[in-house]
C-alpha atoms as a PDB file:
ATOM      1  CA  UNK A   1     118.391  91.683  90.535  1.00  0.00           C
ATOM      2  CA  UNK A   2     121.903  89.798  91.574  1.00  0.00           C
ATOM      3  CA  UNK A   3     123.037  88.459  94.768  1.00  0.00           C
ATOM      4  CA  UNK A   4     125.922  90.044  96.566  1.00  0.00           C
ATOM      5  CA  UNK A   5     128.845  87.667  95.214  1.00  0.00           C
ATOM      6  CA  UNK A   6     127.998  88.672  91.448  1.00  0.00           C
ATOM      7  CA  UNK A   7     130.162  91.339  90.108  1.00  0.00           C
ATOM      8  CA  UNK A   8     128.406  93.945  87.696  1.00  0.00           C
ATOM      9  CA  UNK A   9     130.379  95.766  85.069  1.00  0.00           C
ATOM     10  CA  UNK A  10     129.338  97.958  81.431  1.00  0.00           C
ATOM     11  CA  UNK A  11     131.595  97.384  79.085  1.00  0.00           C
ATOM     12  CA  UNK A  12     131.292  98.446  75.267  1.00  0.00           C
ATOM     13  CA  UNK A  13     131.068  96.383  72.030  1.00  0.00           C
ATOM     14  CA  UNK A  14     134.011  96.125  69.969  1.00  0.00           C
ATOM     15  CA  UNK A  15     133.951  96.844  66.671  1.00  0.00           C
ATOM     16  CA  UNK A  16     131.977 100.061  64.352  1.00  0.00           C
ATOM     17  CA  UNK A  17     129.762  97.440  62.469  1.00  0.00           C
ATOM     18  CA  UNK A  18     128.903  95.804  66.216  1.00  0.00           C
ATOM     19  CA  UNK A  19     127.940  99.387  67.403  1.00  0.00           C
ATOM     20  CA  UNK A  20     126.023 100.615  64.381  1.00  0.00           C
ATOM     21  CA  UNK A  21     123.893  97.464  63.343  1.00  0.00           C
ATOM     22  CA  UNK A  22     124.046  95.024  66.893  1.00  0.00           C
ATOM     23  CA  UNK A  23     120.750  96.451  67.805  1.00  0.00           C
ATOM     24  CA  UNK A  24     121.628  96.273  71.373  1.00  0.00           C
ATOM     25  CA  UNK A  25     123.437  99.591  71.644  1.00  0.00           C
ATOM     26  CA  UNK A  26     127.157 100.526  72.362  1.00  0.00           C
ATOM     27  CA  UNK A  27     127.074  98.881  75.710  1.00  0.00           C
ATOM     28  CA  UNK A  28     126.766  95.937  77.460  1.00  0.00           C
ATOM     29  CA  UNK A  29     126.763  94.247  81.172  1.00  0.00           C
ATOM     30  CA  UNK A  30     128.743  91.764  81.983  1.00  0.00           C
ATOM     31  CA  UNK A  31     127.742  89.859  85.380  1.00  0.00           C
ATOM     32  CA  UNK A  32     130.213  87.718  86.555  1.00  0.00           C
ATOM     33  CA  UNK A  33     131.226  85.129  89.516  1.00  0.00           C
ATOM     34  CA  UNK A  34     128.879  82.635  91.456  1.00  0.00           C
ATOM     35  CA  UNK A  35     125.546  83.556  92.496  1.00  0.00           C
ATOM     36  CA  UNK A  36     121.868  84.016  90.776  1.00  0.00           C
ATOM     37  CA  UNK A  37     120.650  86.424  88.703  1.00  0.00           C
ATOM     38  CA  UNK A  38     116.968  87.241  88.102  1.00  0.00           C
ATOM     39  CA  UNK A  39     116.354  88.908  84.483  1.00  0.00           C
ATOM     40  CA  UNK A  40     112.637  90.775  84.505  1.00  0.00           C
ATOM     41  CA  UNK A  41     111.755  91.070  80.626  1.00  0.00           C
ATOM     42  CA  UNK A  42     108.520  92.594  81.321  1.00  0.00           C
ATOM     43  CA  UNK A  43     107.349  96.205  80.951  1.00  0.00           C
ATOM     44  CA  UNK A  44     106.650  97.735  84.430  1.00  0.00           C
ATOM     45  CA  UNK A  45     102.995  97.692  84.059  1.00  0.00           C
ATOM     46  CA  UNK A  46     102.673  94.075  83.052  1.00  0.00           C
ATOM     47  CA  UNK A  47     105.282  93.121  86.038  1.00  0.00           C
ATOM     48  CA  UNK A  48     102.747  94.913  88.421  1.00  0.00           C
ATOM     49  CA  UNK A  49      99.716  93.269  87.172  1.00  0.00           C
ATOM     50  CA  UNK A  50     101.157  89.723  87.174  1.00  0.00           C
ATOM     51  CA  UNK A  51     102.220  90.813  90.757  1.00  0.00           C
ATOM     52  CA  UNK A  52      99.132  92.188  91.672  1.00  0.00           C
ATOM     53  CA  UNK A  53      97.326  88.802  92.918  1.00  0.00           C
ATOM     54  CA  UNK A  54      99.543  87.982  95.239  1.00  0.00           C
ATOM     55  CA  UNK A  55     100.013  91.864  97.141  1.00  0.00           C
ATOM     56  CA  UNK A  56      97.787  92.818  99.588  1.00  0.00           C
ATOM     57  CA  UNK A  57      95.654  95.836  99.220  1.00  0.00           C
ATOM     58  CA  UNK A  58      95.622  98.791 101.396  1.00  0.00           C
ATOM     59  CA  UNK A  59      92.677 100.665  99.743  1.00  0.00           C
ATOM     60  CA  UNK A  60      90.877 100.620  96.489  1.00  0.00           C
ATOM     61  CA  UNK A  61      92.210 102.311  93.700  1.00  0.00           C
ATOM     62  CA  UNK A  62      90.156 105.593  93.005  1.00  0.00           C
ATOM     63  CA  UNK A  63      87.896 105.736  90.044  1.00  0.00           C
ATOM     64  CA  UNK A  64      89.963 107.644  87.675  1.00  0.00           C
ATOM     65  CA  UNK A  65      93.347 106.465  87.985  1.00  0.00           C
ATOM     66  CA  UNK A  66      94.553 103.507  85.731  1.00  0.00           C
ATOM     67  CA  UNK A  67      94.307 100.015  87.660  1.00  0.00           C
ATOM     68  CA  UNK A  68      97.714  99.417  86.000  1.00  0.00           C
ATOM     69  CA  UNK A  69      99.221 102.523  87.499  1.00  0.00           C
ATOM     70  CA  UNK A  70      97.390 101.584  90.830  1.00  0.00           C
ATOM     71  CA  UNK A  71      99.383  98.124  90.699  1.00  0.00           C
ATOM     72  CA  UNK A  72     102.892  99.962  90.000  1.00  0.00           C
ATOM     73  CA  UNK A  73     102.570 102.054  92.670  1.00  0.00           C
ATOM     74  CA  UNK A  74     101.678  99.019  94.977  1.00  0.00           C
ATOM     75  CA  UNK A  75     104.753  97.524  93.881  1.00  0.00           C
ATOM     76  CA  UNK A  76     106.882 100.410  94.496  1.00  0.00           C
ATOM     77  CA  UNK A  77     105.426 100.427  98.108  1.00  0.00           C
ATOM     78  CA  UNK A  78     106.012  97.125  98.835  1.00  0.00           C
ATOM     79  CA  UNK A  79     109.794  97.258  97.390  1.00  0.00           C
ATOM     80  CA  UNK A  80     110.518 100.643  99.074  1.00  0.00           C
ATOM     81  CA  UNK A  81     108.268 100.244 101.809  1.00  0.00           C
ATOM     82  CA  UNK A  82     105.034 102.342 102.702  1.00  0.00           C
ATOM     83  CA  UNK A  83     107.101 105.614 103.648  1.00  0.00           C
ATOM     84  CA  UNK A  84     107.953 106.561 100.566  1.00  0.00           C
END
């Protein structure tokens, strides 16, 4: 996530050795300009679990539903609104 003042560009890695052995893939993202950038390094279920204590509960998850997936659903409802 980044502010509107930050420019987002996708660049390629130069050099065949970097592309083959770099471990990061062929493409990199370049973020430039003034503004804030937030990096999220957790998996989506781990992020949802970390955010779950700060979110309200509409209803308890079904007994056969994984609590992690219920938390992910709650995060997605919080981000995109309850109508989706």
